[in-house]
Protein backbone atom coordinates (compact mmCIF):
# COMPACT_ATOMS: atom_id res chain seq x y z
CA MET A 1 7.33 -24.35 16.73
CA GLY A 2 5.74 -21.46 14.82
CA LYS A 3 7.20 -19.18 12.43
CA THR A 4 8.31 -16.08 14.07
CA LYS A 5 6.49 -12.73 13.34
CA LEU A 6 7.98 -9.91 11.67
CA LYS A 7 6.65 -6.32 11.78
CA VAL A 8 5.64 -5.49 8.46
CA THR A 9 8.22 -2.62 8.14
CA GLU A 10 10.39 -5.50 8.58
CA VAL A 11 9.13 -7.99 5.95
CA VAL A 12 8.81 -4.77 3.30
CA GLU A 13 13.20 -4.68 4.03
CA LYS A 14 13.38 -8.10 3.58
CA ILE A 15 11.25 -7.88 0.34
CA LEU A 16 12.99 -4.92 -0.82
CA LYS A 17 16.37 -7.01 -0.68
CA THR A 18 15.33 -10.00 -2.07
CA SER A 19 12.86 -10.63 -4.63
CA LYS A 20 12.22 -9.00 -7.53
CA LYS A 21 8.91 -10.05 -8.30
CA ALA A 22 7.21 -9.22 -4.87
CA HIS A 23 9.09 -6.10 -4.94
CA LYS A 24 7.08 -5.35 -8.56
CA TRP A 25 4.01 -5.71 -5.57
CA LEU A 26 5.85 -3.11 -3.30
CA ASP A 27 6.17 -0.29 -5.74
CA ILE A 28 2.86 -0.40 -6.79
CA ALA A 29 1.21 0.31 -3.41
CA LYS A 30 3.83 2.57 -2.75
CA GLU A 31 2.22 4.68 -5.89
CA ASP A 32 -1.58 3.40 -4.77
CA LEU A 33 -0.59 5.59 -1.06
CA GLY A 34 0.56 8.18 -3.17
CA VAL A 35 -2.61 8.74 -4.78
CA ALA A 36 -4.59 8.25 -1.51
CA ARG A 37 -2.59 10.91 0.07
CA VAL A 38 -3.44 13.82 -2.38
CA LEU A 39 -6.72 12.42 -2.20
CA PHE A 40 -7.16 12.66 1.43
CA LYS A 41 -5.81 15.90 1.06
CA SER A 42 -8.76 16.99 -1.41
CA GLY A 43 -11.61 15.57 0.85
CA ARG A 44 -11.94 12.62 -0.86
CA TYR A 45 -12.04 9.87 1.63
CA ILE A 46 -13.72 7.18 0.00
CA TYR A 47 -11.60 7.38 -3.14
CA CYS A 48 -8.74 7.30 -0.20
CA ALA A 49 -10.05 4.28 1.60
CA PHE A 50 -10.63 2.67 -2.24
CA PHE A 51 -6.44 3.18 -2.63
CA CYS A 52 -5.64 2.56 0.36
CA GLN A 53 -7.38 -0.78 -0.13
CA GLN A 54 -5.64 -1.45 -2.74
CA ALA A 55 -2.81 -0.91 -1.04
CA VAL A 56 -2.90 -3.67 1.21
CA GLU A 57 -3.69 -6.14 -1.38
CA LYS A 58 -0.68 -4.98 -3.24
CA LEU A 59 1.10 -6.09 -0.14
CA PHE A 60 -0.03 -9.17 0.55
CA LYS A 61 0.15 -9.56 -3.29
CA ALA A 62 4.19 -9.44 -2.32
CA ILE A 63 4.25 -10.81 1.21
CA ILE A 64 2.89 -13.94 -0.54
CA ILE A 65 5.20 -13.87 -3.40
CA PHE A 66 8.12 -13.39 -1.21
CA GLU A 67 7.00 -16.46 1.33
CA THR A 68 5.80 -19.09 -1.05
CA GLU A 69 8.01 -18.01 -4.38
CA LYS A 70 3.99 -18.26 -6.26
CA GLU A 71 1.57 -15.79 -7.67
CA PRO A 72 -0.43 -15.12 -5.02
CA PRO A 73 -4.71 -16.27 -5.88
CA TYR A 74 -6.76 -14.31 -8.09
CA VAL A 75 -8.91 -13.38 -4.55
CA HIS A 76 -9.70 -9.99 -3.70
CA ASP A 77 -11.20 -11.09 -0.05
CA LEU A 78 -7.86 -9.91 2.02
CA ILE A 79 -9.09 -12.27 4.50
CA ILE A 80 -9.53 -15.38 2.88
CA ARG A 81 -5.94 -14.62 1.00
CA GLN A 82 -4.57 -13.97 4.33
CA LYS A 83 -6.67 -17.30 5.93
CA ARG A 84 -5.40 -19.32 2.60
CA GLN A 85 -1.89 -18.09 3.08
CA VAL A 86 -1.59 -17.95 6.66
CA LEU A 87 0.89 -15.10 6.66
CA ILE A 88 0.31 -13.13 9.33
């Protein structure tokens, strides 16, 4: 049997309760989303998309740390990262 898949919000809640290193990455991801919101409201859509992508990448890093207790790989391709870790 495989691992039960959780919703992103459930994973975030578990991370916040258990992993300080992963929690750090979630905090940074929240900052990136805040910047993305400001950029979106001001019509700066390309930069908004960039910060959204950054937030997702940092969420992946938090999940990798939470699941493996190891630092995430230094790869900027989200698909490669996801396939390597098979987390989501």
